[in-house]
Amino acid sequence: AAKLTDTSLGVRRAAFRAASAGLKHEMPCEALTSQAVQLLRMVWEESPQIQDVVLSAAERALLPRPVSHASLEQLIKVIREPGVGSQGLRQILATHFAALQRESKAGHGSLQAVADGAVRGISGILSSRAVAPDTAEQLAPWSLMLEQTAQLQPATMHGHMATFLTWLAGSRDSVPSAQQVQSRCQSRQQQLLARVACRVLTDSLGSFVEDGQHTASEKEKVWAHVLGSLKPLLVDSRSGVIRAAMECLCALVTHGRGMAAKRAAAQHLQQLSLDNVQGLREAVKTAALDHKTLRQAWLLGSMLEFIDLDVLLSSCSCALGED
């Protein structure tokens, strides 16, 4: 272990290679967790070459083929440790995806197992315990795993559309209470699920609409359901959820050519932008700066970040031409 912090780069490189070679999936769980955590904590300040050695070894040990739910639970244990966290999860999953691309033959299936396992992990937490102060914290690593997988392979999300729509619908019915701990915890949990659903849908709607396994009617229903759930989120949510919901709304407008729900999404986005511009104009006149004004500015900023204005104008023009 001392050689991992040696002042000589050559000594450290050799030490990391030797320690990484010792990472094996067959190791006892506690030993694997301890050794993987130690290497990941120490490698972030090292050169990209040394990082690649450690990440490749960690990926092979923590995500052996075929990927099992037990392996994913082991990975969650590792990333919960201080010094590993979200950076460790992102890097390990990215390394896993790169390895699958090189192997080619089992790539999609392995990432599908990761996506299925992440949804199962979240569903298990939601069904096995009452809402508690740490529920959102327990959900966080599984949620990040799901989001990262959606970015790497959007098609792995298609089979879970009904689940994501349920998460959005649950957030729509949430009524926060400032006086009851249970209500605050539930609201925090629902806001987290809403943000995750928005991010996953943003990454997967484009491939879902091109998926020949789903009918045009099914796709239309998904668009309509998502739009209906996004509307209240854009009115009264935390800033992180508003941003995710706006990005998802922009995805509805960008994809789904010819769909009635896409035109409805474009019209809602256009009206939302006009209403918020007007609200900001009034705020400038009265020099008012309150929560509503900040939300309006946040909404417009997010819209300009995520939407292709040519797509929006084209979608609105088509909708107006049909009215």
C-alpha atoms as a PDB file:
ATOM      1  CA  ALA A   1       0.000   0.000   0.000  1.00  0.00           C
ATOM      2  CA  ALA A   2       2.863   2.384   0.752  1.00  0.00           C
ATOM      3  CA  LYS A   3       4.145   2.070  -2.804  1.00  0.00           C
ATOM      4  CA  LEU A   4       0.835   3.423  -4.119  1.00  0.00           C
ATOM      5  CA  THR A   5       1.815   6.801  -2.660  1.00  0.00           C
ATOM      6  CA  ASP A   6       5.525   6.667  -3.516  1.00  0.00           C
ATOM      7  CA  THR A   7       7.006   9.866  -4.961  1.00  0.00           C
ATOM      8  CA  SER A   8       8.310   7.948  -7.971  1.00  0.00           C
ATOM      9  CA  LEU A   9       5.819   7.661 -10.824  1.00  0.00           C
ATOM     10  CA  GLY A  10       7.390   4.407 -11.972  1.00  0.00           C
ATOM     11  CA  VAL A  11       7.028   2.841  -8.532  1.00  0.00           C
ATOM     12  CA  ARG A  12       3.399   3.964  -8.249  1.00  0.00           C
ATOM     13  CA  ARG A  13       2.584   2.684 -11.731  1.00  0.00           C
ATOM     14  CA  ALA A  14       3.990  -0.746 -10.915  1.00  0.00           C
ATOM     15  CA  ALA A  15       2.199  -0.779  -7.556  1.00  0.00           C
ATOM     16  CA  PHE A  16      -1.157   0.080  -9.104  1.00  0.00           C
ATOM     17  CA  ARG A  17      -0.694  -2.592 -11.761  1.00  0.00           C
ATOM     18  CA  ALA A  18       0.142  -5.227  -9.150  1.00  0.00           C
ATOM     19  CA  ALA A  19      -2.742  -4.239  -6.879  1.00  0.00           C
ATOM     20  CA  SER A  20      -5.175  -4.123  -9.805  1.00  0.00           C
ATOM     21  CA  ALA A  21      -4.131  -7.591 -10.943  1.00  0.00           C
ATOM     22  CA  GLY A  22      -5.221  -8.842  -7.531  1.00  0.00           C
ATOM     23  CA  LEU A  23      -8.819  -7.632  -8.001  1.00  0.00           C
ATOM     24  CA  LYS A  24     -10.870 -10.749  -8.733  1.00  0.00           C
ATOM     25  CA  HIS A  25     -14.613 -11.321  -8.801  1.00  0.00           C
ATOM     26  CA  GLU A  26     -14.099 -14.541  -6.836  1.00  0.00           C
ATOM     27  CA  MET A  27     -12.728 -12.642  -3.818  1.00  0.00           C
ATOM     28  CA  PRO A  28     -14.865 -12.489  -0.651  1.00  0.00           C
ATOM     29  CA  CYS A  29     -17.263  -9.550  -0.887  1.00  0.00           C
ATOM     30  CA  GLU A  30     -15.708  -7.571   1.955  1.00  0.00           C
ATOM     31  CA  ALA A  31     -12.190  -8.021   0.599  1.00  0.00           C
ATOM     32  CA  LEU A  32     -13.247  -7.049  -2.919  1.00  0.00           C
ATOM     33  CA  THR A  33     -15.053  -3.957  -1.650  1.00  0.00           C
ATOM     34  CA  SER A  34     -12.127  -2.892   0.529  1.00  0.00           C
ATOM     35  CA  GLN A  35      -9.470  -3.339  -2.161  1.00  0.00           C
ATOM     36  CA  ALA A  36     -11.548  -1.744  -4.926  1.00  0.00           C
ATOM     37  CA  VAL A  37     -12.409   1.251  -2.746  1.00  0.00           C
ATOM     38  CA  GLN A  38      -8.761   1.757  -1.779  1.00  0.00           C
ATOM     39  CA  LEU A  39      -7.584   1.749  -5.395  1.00  0.00           C
ATOM     40  CA  LEU A  40     -10.397   3.981  -6.673  1.00  0.00           C
ATOM     41  CA  ARG A  41      -9.890   6.540  -3.911  1.00  0.00           C
ATOM     42  CA  MET A  42      -6.198   6.852  -4.688  1.00  0.00           C
ATOM     43  CA  VAL A  43      -6.244   6.734  -8.483  1.00  0.00           C
ATOM     44  CA  TRP A  44      -8.138   9.955  -9.304  1.00  0.00           C
ATOM     45  CA  GLU A  45      -4.995  12.080  -9.035  1.00  0.00           C
ATOM     46  CA  GLU A  46      -2.936   9.715 -11.161  1.00  0.00           C
ATOM     47  CA  SER A  47      -2.302   9.777 -14.911  1.00  0.00           C
ATOM     48  CA  PRO A  48      -4.994   8.601 -17.353  1.00  0.00           C
ATOM     49  CA  GLN A  49      -2.910   5.504 -18.104  1.00  0.00           C
ATOM     50  CA  ILE A  50      -2.864   4.423 -14.452  1.00  0.00           C
ATOM     51  CA  GLN A  51      -6.569   5.231 -14.119  1.00  0.00           C
ATOM     52  CA  ASP A  52      -7.326   3.001 -17.101  1.00  0.00           C
ATOM     53  CA  VAL A  53      -5.511   0.088 -15.461  1.00  0.00           C
ATOM     54  CA  VAL A  54      -7.442   0.434 -12.200  1.00  0.00           C
ATOM     55  CA  LEU A  55     -10.825   1.071 -13.836  1.00  0.00           C
ATOM     56  CA  SER A  56     -10.449  -1.889 -16.186  1.00  0.00           C
ATOM     57  CA  ALA A  57      -9.608  -4.169 -13.275  1.00  0.00           C
ATOM     58  CA  ALA A  58     -12.475  -2.817 -11.164  1.00  0.00           C
ATOM     59  CA  GLU A  59     -14.914  -3.217 -14.062  1.00  0.00           C
ATOM     60  CA  ARG A  60     -13.912  -6.840 -14.643  1.00  0.00           C
ATOM     61  CA  ALA A  61     -14.150  -7.697 -10.944  1.00  0.00           C
ATOM     62  CA  LEU A  62     -17.383  -5.836 -10.177  1.00  0.00           C
ATOM     63  CA  LEU A  63     -19.280  -6.462 -13.436  1.00  0.00           C
ATOM     64  CA  PRO A  64     -18.385  -9.973 -14.625  1.00  0.00           C
ATOM     65  CA  ARG A  65     -20.295 -11.410 -17.586  1.00  0.00           C
ATOM     66  CA  PRO A  66     -23.143 -12.139 -17.419  1.00  0.00           C
ATOM     67  CA  VAL A  67     -24.009  -9.240 -15.145  1.00  0.00           C
ATOM     68  CA  SER A  68     -26.091 -10.362 -12.173  1.00  0.00           C
ATOM     69  CA  HIS A  69     -28.112  -8.367  -9.656  1.00  0.00           C
ATOM     70  CA  ALA A  70     -25.699  -9.508  -6.954  1.00  0.00           C
ATOM     71  CA  SER A  71     -22.848  -7.930  -8.924  1.00  0.00           C
ATOM     72  CA  LEU A  72     -24.751  -4.653  -9.173  1.00  0.00           C
ATOM     73  CA  GLU A  73     -25.387  -4.686  -5.429  1.00  0.00           C
ATOM     74  CA  GLN A  74     -21.657  -5.200  -4.893  1.00  0.00           C
ATOM     75  CA  LEU A  75     -20.942  -2.219  -7.145  1.00  0.00           C
ATOM     76  CA  ILE A  76     -23.429  -0.109  -5.174  1.00  0.00           C
ATOM     77  CA  LYS A  77     -21.575  -0.989  -1.953  1.00  0.00           C
ATOM     78  CA  VAL A  78     -18.327   0.218  -3.493  1.00  0.00           C
ATOM     79  CA  ILE A  79     -19.656   3.539  -4.753  1.00  0.00           C
ATOM     80  CA  ARG A  80     -21.335   4.305  -1.439  1.00  0.00           C
ATOM     81  CA  GLU A  81     -17.893   4.552   0.139  1.00  0.00           C
ATOM     82  CA  PRO A  82     -16.420   8.063   0.589  1.00  0.00           C
ATOM     83  CA  GLY A  83     -13.969   8.948  -2.135  1.00  0.00           C
ATOM     84  CA  VAL A  84     -15.620   6.762  -4.784  1.00  0.00           C
ATOM     85  CA  GLY A  85     -19.179   8.053  -5.215  1.00  0.00           C
ATOM     86  CA  SER A  86     -20.769   9.179  -8.453  1.00  0.00           C
ATOM     87  CA  GLN A  87     -17.413   9.706 -10.179  1.00  0.00           C
ATOM     88  CA  GLY A  88     -16.496   6.085  -9.553  1.00  0.00           C
ATOM     89  CA  LEU A  89     -19.831   4.801 -10.853  1.00  0.00           C
ATOM     90  CA  ARG A  90     -19.669   6.887 -14.023  1.00  0.00           C
ATOM     91  CA  GLN A  91     -16.124   5.826 -14.784  1.00  0.00           C
ATOM     92  CA  ILE A  92     -16.746   2.128 -14.118  1.00  0.00           C
ATOM     93  CA  LEU A  93     -19.899   2.057 -16.269  1.00  0.00           C
ATOM     94  CA  ALA A  94     -18.141   3.966 -19.055  1.00  0.00           C
ATOM     95  CA  THR A  95     -15.271   1.469 -18.883  1.00  0.00           C
ATOM     96  CA  HIS A  96     -17.804  -1.378 -18.949  1.00  0.00           C
ATOM     97  CA  PHE A  97     -19.482   0.078 -22.040  1.00  0.00           C
ATOM     98  CA  ALA A  98     -16.129   0.468 -23.806  1.00  0.00           C
ATOM     99  CA  ALA A  99     -15.227  -3.126 -22.964  1.00  0.00           C
ATOM    100  CA  LEU A 100     -18.573  -4.346 -24.314  1.00  0.00           C
ATOM    101  CA  GLN A 101     -18.022  -2.493 -27.556  1.00  0.00           C
ATOM    102  CA  ARG A 102     -14.705  -4.262 -27.967  1.00  0.00           C
ATOM    103  CA  GLU A 103     -16.319  -7.623 -27.178  1.00  0.00           C
ATOM    104  CA  SER A 104     -19.261  -6.665 -29.436  1.00  0.00           C
ATOM    105  CA  LYS A 105     -21.232  -9.896 -29.200  1.00  0.00           C
ATOM    106  CA  ALA A 106     -22.829  -9.381 -25.744  1.00  0.00           C
ATOM    107  CA  GLY A 107     -22.826  -5.581 -25.463  1.00  0.00           C
ATOM    108  CA  HIS A 108     -26.531  -4.760 -25.522  1.00  0.00           C
ATOM    109  CA  GLY A 109     -27.511  -7.708 -23.360  1.00  0.00           C
ATOM    110  CA  SER A 110     -25.067  -6.794 -20.610  1.00  0.00           C
ATOM    111  CA  LEU A 111     -26.168  -3.163 -20.462  1.00  0.00           C
ATOM    112  CA  GLN A 112     -29.790  -4.319 -20.516  1.00  0.00           C
ATOM    113  CA  ALA A 113     -28.997  -6.337 -17.395  1.00  0.00           C
ATOM    114  CA  VAL A 114     -27.591  -3.197 -15.761  1.00  0.00           C
ATOM    115  CA  ALA A 115     -30.712  -1.195 -16.684  1.00  0.00           C
ATOM    116  CA  ASP A 116     -33.034  -3.959 -15.473  1.00  0.00           C
ATOM    117  CA  GLY A 117     -31.044  -4.277 -12.260  1.00  0.00           C
ATOM    118  CA  ALA A 118     -31.161  -0.534 -11.569  1.00  0.00           C
ATOM    119  CA  VAL A 119     -34.950  -0.451 -12.005  1.00  0.00           C
ATOM    120  CA  ARG A 120     -35.222  -3.525  -9.798  1.00  0.00           C
ATOM    121  CA  GLY A 121     -33.030  -1.889  -7.148  1.00  0.00           C
ATOM    122  CA  ILE A 122     -35.182   1.246  -7.083  1.00  0.00           C
ATOM    123  CA  SER A 123     -38.426  -0.736  -7.068  1.00  0.00           C
ATOM    124  CA  GLY A 124     -37.144  -2.913  -4.243  1.00  0.00           C
ATOM    125  CA  ILE A 125     -36.398   0.092  -2.041  1.00  0.00           C
ATOM    126  CA  LEU A 126     -39.791   1.629  -2.784  1.00  0.00           C
ATOM    127  CA  SER A 127     -41.715  -1.565  -2.019  1.00  0.00           C
ATOM    128  CA  SER A 128     -39.780  -2.918   0.956  1.00  0.00           C
ATOM    129  CA  ARG A 129     -39.792   0.050   3.318  1.00  0.00           C
ATOM    130  CA  ALA A 130     -41.915   2.927   4.508  1.00  0.00           C
ATOM    131  CA  VAL A 131     -40.794   6.372   3.386  1.00  0.00           C
ATOM    132  CA  ALA A 132     -37.948   7.418   5.695  1.00  0.00           C
ATOM    133  CA  PRO A 133     -35.486  10.331   5.863  1.00  0.00           C
ATOM    134  CA  ASP A 134     -32.808   8.244   4.128  1.00  0.00           C
ATOM    135  CA  THR A 135     -35.007   6.756   1.383  1.00  0.00           C
ATOM    136  CA  ALA A 136     -33.870   9.291  -1.217  1.00  0.00           C
ATOM    137  CA  GLU A 137     -30.266   8.647  -0.211  1.00  0.00           C
ATOM    138  CA  GLN A 138     -30.780   4.898  -0.688  1.00  0.00           C
ATOM    139  CA  LEU A 139     -32.314   5.509  -4.112  1.00  0.00           C
ATOM    140  CA  ALA A 140     -29.565   7.853  -5.331  1.00  0.00           C
ATOM    141  CA  PRO A 141     -26.867   5.364  -6.482  1.00  0.00           C
ATOM    142  CA  TRP A 142     -29.387   3.131  -8.279  1.00  0.00           C
ATOM    143  CA  SER A 143     -30.861   6.231  -9.920  1.00  0.00           C
ATOM    144  CA  LEU A 144     -27.447   7.372 -11.098  1.00  0.00           C
ATOM    145  CA  MET A 145     -26.777   3.897 -12.485  1.00  0.00           C
ATOM    146  CA  LEU A 146     -30.021   4.070 -14.444  1.00  0.00           C
ATOM    147  CA  GLU A 147     -29.284   7.557 -15.801  1.00  0.00           C
ATOM    148  CA  GLN A 148     -25.776   6.601 -16.862  1.00  0.00           C
ATOM    149  CA  THR A 149     -27.014   3.466 -18.621  1.00  0.00           C
ATOM    150  CA  ALA A 150     -29.653   5.489 -20.470  1.00  0.00           C
ATOM    151  CA  GLN A 151     -26.930   7.793 -21.775  1.00  0.00           C
ATOM    152  CA  LEU A 152     -24.752   4.889 -22.894  1.00  0.00           C
ATOM    153  CA  GLN A 153     -27.492   2.717 -24.435  1.00  0.00           C
ATOM    154  CA  PRO A 154     -30.937   4.422 -24.645  1.00  0.00           C
ATOM    155  CA  ALA A 155     -32.674   1.352 -26.057  1.00  0.00           C
ATOM    156  CA  THR A 156     -32.218  -0.464 -22.747  1.00  0.00           C
ATOM    157  CA  MET A 157     -34.892   1.851 -21.294  1.00  0.00           C
ATOM    158  CA  HIS A 158     -37.686   0.949 -23.722  1.00  0.00           C
ATOM    159  CA  GLY A 159     -39.005  -1.975 -21.703  1.00  0.00           C
ATOM    160  CA  HIS A 160     -39.393   0.182 -18.607  1.00  0.00           C
ATOM    161  CA  MET A 161     -41.443   3.029 -20.061  1.00  0.00           C
ATOM    162  CA  ALA A 162     -44.481   2.142 -17.923  1.00  0.00           C
ATOM    163  CA  THR A 163     -42.352   2.403 -14.773  1.00  0.00           C
ATOM    164  CA  PHE A 164     -40.992   5.824 -15.717  1.00  0.00           C
ATOM    165  CA  LEU A 165     -44.494   7.086 -16.483  1.00  0.00           C
ATOM    166  CA  THR A 166     -45.609   5.879 -13.047  1.00  0.00           C
ATOM    167  CA  TRP A 167     -42.772   7.803 -11.389  1.00  0.00           C
ATOM    168  CA  LEU A 168     -43.829  10.947 -13.225  1.00  0.00           C
ATOM    169  CA  ALA A 169     -47.489  10.461 -12.330  1.00  0.00           C
ATOM    170  CA  GLY A 170     -46.574   9.940  -8.662  1.00  0.00           C
ATOM    171  CA  SER A 171     -44.708  13.235  -8.555  1.00  0.00           C
ATOM    172  CA  ARG A 172     -47.675  14.998 -10.128  1.00  0.00           C
ATOM    173  CA  ASP A 173     -49.861  13.986  -7.186  1.00  0.00           C
ATOM    174  CA  SER A 174     -47.311  14.991  -4.551  1.00  0.00           C
ATOM    175  CA  VAL A 175     -48.416  17.678  -2.080  1.00  0.00           C
ATOM    176  CA  PRO A 176     -45.480  18.736   0.139  1.00  0.00           C
ATOM    177  CA  SER A 177     -46.179  19.486   3.785  1.00  0.00           C
ATOM    178  CA  ALA A 178     -43.910  21.710   5.827  1.00  0.00           C
ATOM    179  CA  GLN A 179     -45.213  20.287   9.103  1.00  0.00           C
ATOM    180  CA  GLN A 180     -45.021  16.534   8.662  1.00  0.00           C
ATOM    181  CA  VAL A 181     -41.720  14.709   8.356  1.00  0.00           C
ATOM    182  CA  GLN A 182     -43.383  11.872   6.458  1.00  0.00           C
ATOM    183  CA  SER A 183     -44.741  14.279   3.856  1.00  0.00           C
ATOM    184  CA  ARG A 184     -41.381  16.017   3.428  1.00  0.00           C
ATOM    185  CA  CYS A 185     -39.602  12.702   2.945  1.00  0.00           C
ATOM    186  CA  GLN A 186     -42.221  11.507   0.489  1.00  0.00           C
ATOM    187  CA  SER A 187     -42.006  14.751  -1.464  1.00  0.00           C
ATOM    188  CA  ARG A 188     -38.216  14.498  -1.647  1.00  0.00           C
ATOM    189  CA  GLN A 189     -38.473  10.904  -2.845  1.00  0.00           C
ATOM    190  CA  GLN A 190     -41.062  11.761  -5.492  1.00  0.00           C
ATOM    191  CA  GLN A 191     -39.039  14.732  -6.717  1.00  0.00           C
ATOM    192  CA  LEU A 192     -36.003  12.458  -7.072  1.00  0.00           C
ATOM    193  CA  LEU A 193     -38.000   9.879  -9.028  1.00  0.00           C
ATOM    194  CA  ALA A 194     -39.453  12.609 -11.229  1.00  0.00           C
ATOM    195  CA  ARG A 195     -35.997  13.991 -12.006  1.00  0.00           C
ATOM    196  CA  VAL A 196     -34.652  10.531 -12.801  1.00  0.00           C
ATOM    197  CA  ALA A 197     -37.640   9.724 -15.025  1.00  0.00           C
ATOM    198  CA  CYS A 198     -37.222  13.016 -16.900  1.00  0.00           C
ATOM    199  CA  ARG A 199     -33.520  12.430 -17.516  1.00  0.00           C
ATOM    200  CA  VAL A 200     -33.975   8.829 -18.607  1.00  0.00           C
ATOM    201  CA  LEU A 201     -36.875   9.735 -20.909  1.00  0.00           C
ATOM    202  CA  THR A 202     -34.877  12.595 -22.409  1.00  0.00           C
ATOM    203  CA  ASP A 203     -32.157  10.158 -23.432  1.00  0.00           C
ATOM    204  CA  SER A 204     -34.469   7.380 -24.636  1.00  0.00           C
ATOM    205  CA  LEU A 205     -37.473   9.052 -26.324  1.00  0.00           C
ATOM    206  CA  GLY A 206     -35.571   9.519 -29.579  1.00  0.00           C
ATOM    207  CA  SER A 207     -34.737   5.822 -29.925  1.00  0.00           C
ATOM    208  CA  PHE A 208     -38.144   4.747 -28.557  1.00  0.00           C
ATOM    209  CA  VAL A 209     -40.016   6.555 -31.329  1.00  0.00           C
ATOM    210  CA  GLU A 210     -37.895   4.695 -33.902  1.00  0.00           C
ATOM    211  CA  ASP A 211     -38.430   1.324 -32.229  1.00  0.00           C
ATOM    212  CA  GLY A 212     -40.497  -0.893 -34.502  1.00  0.00           C
ATOM    213  CA  GLN A 213     -41.632  -3.071 -31.593  1.00  0.00           C
ATOM    214  CA  HIS A 214     -44.089  -0.388 -30.448  1.00  0.00           C
ATOM    215  CA  THR A 215     -47.142   0.803 -32.385  1.00  0.00           C
ATOM    216  CA  ALA A 216     -47.820   4.408 -33.334  1.00  0.00           C
ATOM    217  CA  SER A 217     -50.721   4.424 -30.881  1.00  0.00           C
ATOM    218  CA  GLU A 218     -48.475   3.271 -28.023  1.00  0.00           C
ATOM    219  CA  LYS A 219     -45.936   5.957 -28.818  1.00  0.00           C
ATOM    220  CA  GLU A 220     -48.658   8.614 -28.998  1.00  0.00           C
ATOM    221  CA  LYS A 221     -49.913   7.568 -25.557  1.00  0.00           C
ATOM    222  CA  VAL A 222     -46.418   7.790 -24.086  1.00  0.00           C
ATOM    223  CA  TRP A 223     -45.947  11.319 -25.469  1.00  0.00           C
ATOM    224  CA  ALA A 224     -49.348  12.417 -24.154  1.00  0.00           C
ATOM    225  CA  HIS A 225     -48.763  10.880 -20.722  1.00  0.00           C
ATOM    226  CA  VAL A 226     -45.323  12.449 -20.367  1.00  0.00           C
ATOM    227  CA  LEU A 227     -46.622  15.860 -21.415  1.00  0.00           C
ATOM    228  CA  GLY A 228     -49.489  15.661 -18.922  1.00  0.00           C
ATOM    229  CA  SER A 229     -47.079  14.824 -16.104  1.00  0.00           C
ATOM    230  CA  LEU A 230     -44.517  17.475 -17.053  1.00  0.00           C
ATOM    231  CA  LYS A 231     -46.967  20.385 -16.941  1.00  0.00           C
ATOM    232  CA  PRO A 232     -47.352  20.513 -13.130  1.00  0.00           C
ATOM    233  CA  LEU A 233     -43.630  19.826 -12.633  1.00  0.00           C
ATOM    234  CA  LEU A 234     -42.830  22.961 -14.611  1.00  0.00           C
ATOM    235  CA  VAL A 235     -45.124  25.025 -12.395  1.00  0.00           C
ATOM    236  CA  ASP A 236     -43.961  24.171  -8.887  1.00  0.00           C
ATOM    237  CA  SER A 237     -40.866  22.055  -8.356  1.00  0.00           C
ATOM    238  CA  ARG A 238     -37.321  22.372  -7.116  1.00  0.00           C
ATOM    239  CA  SER A 239     -34.844  23.888  -9.537  1.00  0.00           C
ATOM    240  CA  GLY A 240     -33.229  20.540 -10.394  1.00  0.00           C
ATOM    241  CA  VAL A 241     -36.580  18.995 -11.278  1.00  0.00           C
ATOM    242  CA  ILE A 242     -37.660  22.039 -13.315  1.00  0.00           C
ATOM    243  CA  ARG A 243     -34.495  21.812 -15.372  1.00  0.00           C
ATOM    244  CA  ALA A 244     -34.918  18.067 -15.965  1.00  0.00           C
ATOM    245  CA  ALA A 245     -38.605  18.523 -16.816  1.00  0.00           C
ATOM    246  CA  MET A 246     -37.810  21.294 -19.306  1.00  0.00           C
ATOM    247  CA  GLU A 247     -35.157  19.135 -20.957  1.00  0.00           C
ATOM    248  CA  CYS A 248     -37.706  16.312 -21.237  1.00  0.00           C
ATOM    249  CA  LEU A 249     -40.318  18.667 -22.696  1.00  0.00           C
ATOM    250  CA  CYS A 250     -37.795  19.788 -25.295  1.00  0.00           C
ATOM    251  CA  ALA A 251     -37.169  16.123 -26.134  1.00  0.00           C
ATOM    252  CA  LEU A 252     -40.916  15.658 -26.724  1.00  0.00           C
ATOM    253  CA  VAL A 253     -40.826  18.581 -29.145  1.00  0.00           C
ATOM    254  CA  THR A 254     -37.657  17.399 -30.888  1.00  0.00           C
ATOM    255  CA  HIS A 255     -38.742  13.793 -31.514  1.00  0.00           C
ATOM    256  CA  GLY A 256     -41.954  12.157 -32.681  1.00  0.00           C
ATOM    257  CA  ARG A 257     -42.453  13.749 -36.085  1.00  0.00           C
ATOM    258  CA  GLY A 258     -46.084  13.817 -37.138  1.00  0.00           C
ATOM    259  CA  MET A 259     -47.472  12.944 -33.718  1.00  0.00           C
ATOM    260  CA  ALA A 260     -50.367  14.973 -32.344  1.00  0.00           C
ATOM    261  CA  ALA A 261     -48.844  14.876 -28.841  1.00  0.00           C
ATOM    262  CA  LYS A 262     -45.618  16.334 -30.197  1.00  0.00           C
ATOM    263  CA  ARG A 263     -47.533  19.289 -31.623  1.00  0.00           C
ATOM    264  CA  ALA A 264     -49.303  19.715 -28.284  1.00  0.00           C
ATOM    265  CA  ALA A 265     -45.911  19.708 -26.542  1.00  0.00           C
ATOM    266  CA  ALA A 266     -44.596  22.369 -28.938  1.00  0.00           C
ATOM    267  CA  GLN A 267     -47.624  24.568 -28.324  1.00  0.00           C
ATOM    268  CA  HIS A 268     -47.257  24.199 -24.563  1.00  0.00           C
ATOM    269  CA  LEU A 269     -43.569  25.053 -24.752  1.00  0.00           C
ATOM    270  CA  GLN A 270     -44.297  28.119 -26.862  1.00  0.00           C
ATOM    271  CA  GLN A 271     -47.023  29.314 -24.485  1.00  0.00           C
ATOM    272  CA  LEU A 272     -44.786  28.635 -21.493  1.00  0.00           C
ATOM    273  CA  SER A 273     -42.019  30.744 -22.996  1.00  0.00           C
ATOM    274  CA  LEU A 274     -44.381  33.628 -23.800  1.00  0.00           C
ATOM    275  CA  ASP A 275     -45.905  33.577 -20.312  1.00  0.00           C
ATOM    276  CA  ASN A 276     -42.519  33.580 -18.616  1.00  0.00           C
ATOM    277  CA  VAL A 277     -41.116  36.340 -20.822  1.00  0.00           C
ATOM    278  CA  GLN A 278     -44.141  38.451 -19.945  1.00  0.00           C
ATOM    279  CA  GLY A 279     -43.689  37.638 -16.273  1.00  0.00           C
ATOM    280  CA  LEU A 280     -40.041  38.716 -16.355  1.00  0.00           C
ATOM    281  CA  ARG A 281     -40.953  41.943 -18.133  1.00  0.00           C
ATOM    282  CA  GLU A 282     -43.393  42.770 -15.358  1.00  0.00           C
ATOM    283  CA  ALA A 283     -40.812  41.889 -12.725  1.00  0.00           C
ATOM    284  CA  VAL A 284     -38.294  44.279 -14.322  1.00  0.00           C
ATOM    285  CA  LYS A 285     -40.861  47.074 -14.322  1.00  0.00           C
ATOM    286  CA  THR A 286     -41.681  46.613 -10.638  1.00  0.00           C
ATOM    287  CA  ALA A 287     -38.151  45.638  -9.548  1.00  0.00           C
ATOM    288  CA  ALA A 288     -39.670  42.523  -7.948  1.00  0.00           C
ATOM    289  CA  LEU A 289     -37.421  39.568  -7.260  1.00  0.00           C
ATOM    290  CA  ASP A 290     -39.203  36.635  -5.693  1.00  0.00           C
ATOM    291  CA  HIS A 291     -39.365  32.857  -6.051  1.00  0.00           C
ATOM    292  CA  LYS A 292     -41.752  33.073  -8.991  1.00  0.00           C
ATOM    293  CA  THR A 293     -39.458  35.425 -10.890  1.00  0.00           C
ATOM    294  CA  LEU A 294     -36.438  33.217 -10.295  1.00  0.00           C
ATOM    295  CA  ARG A 295     -38.399  30.169 -11.489  1.00  0.00           C
ATOM    296  CA  GLN A 296     -39.432  32.004 -14.658  1.00  0.00           C
ATOM    297  CA  ALA A 297     -35.821  32.943 -15.397  1.00  0.00           C
ATOM    298  CA  TRP A 298     -34.694  29.367 -14.680  1.00  0.00           C
ATOM    299  CA  LEU A 299     -37.335  27.966 -17.024  1.00  0.00           C
ATOM    300  CA  LEU A 300     -36.377  30.258 -19.894  1.00  0.00           C
ATOM    301  CA  GLY A 301     -32.679  29.612 -19.405  1.00  0.00           C
ATOM    302  CA  SER A 302     -33.259  25.865 -19.420  1.00  0.00           C
ATOM    303  CA  MET A 303     -35.428  26.094 -22.527  1.00  0.00           C
ATOM    304  CA  LEU A 304     -32.781  28.035 -24.429  1.00  0.00           C
ATOM    305  CA  GLU A 305     -30.190  25.484 -23.349  1.00  0.00           C
ATOM    306  CA  PHE A 306     -32.079  22.421 -24.534  1.00  0.00           C
ATOM    307  CA  ILE A 307     -34.350  23.357 -27.450  1.00  0.00           C
ATOM    308  CA  ASP A 308     -33.447  23.784 -31.076  1.00  0.00           C
ATOM    309  CA  LEU A 309     -35.382  26.974 -31.856  1.00  0.00           C
ATOM    310  CA  ASP A 310     -35.771  25.997 -35.517  1.00  0.00           C
ATOM    311  CA  VAL A 311     -37.426  22.744 -34.415  1.00  0.00           C
ATOM    312  CA  LEU A 312     -39.736  24.644 -32.049  1.00  0.00           C
ATOM    313  CA  LEU A 313     -40.757  27.194 -34.670  1.00  0.00           C
ATOM    314  CA  SER A 314     -41.317  24.464 -37.250  1.00  0.00           C
ATOM    315  CA  SER A 315     -43.436  22.409 -34.851  1.00  0.00           C
ATOM    316  CA  CYS A 316     -45.550  25.411 -33.830  1.00  0.00           C
ATOM    317  CA  SER A 317     -46.020  26.477 -37.451  1.00  0.00           C
ATOM    318  CA  CYS A 318     -47.293  23.003 -38.349  1.00  0.00           C
ATOM    319  CA  ALA A 319     -49.683  23.029 -35.410  1.00  0.00           C
ATOM    320  CA  LEU A 320     -51.027  26.469 -36.294  1.00  0.00           C
ATOM    321  CA  GLY A 321     -51.444  25.423 -39.911  1.00  0.00           C
ATOM    322  CA  GLU A 322     -53.698  22.541 -38.865  1.00  0.00           C
ATOM    323  CA  ASP A 323     -55.951  24.639 -36.599  1.00  0.00           C
END
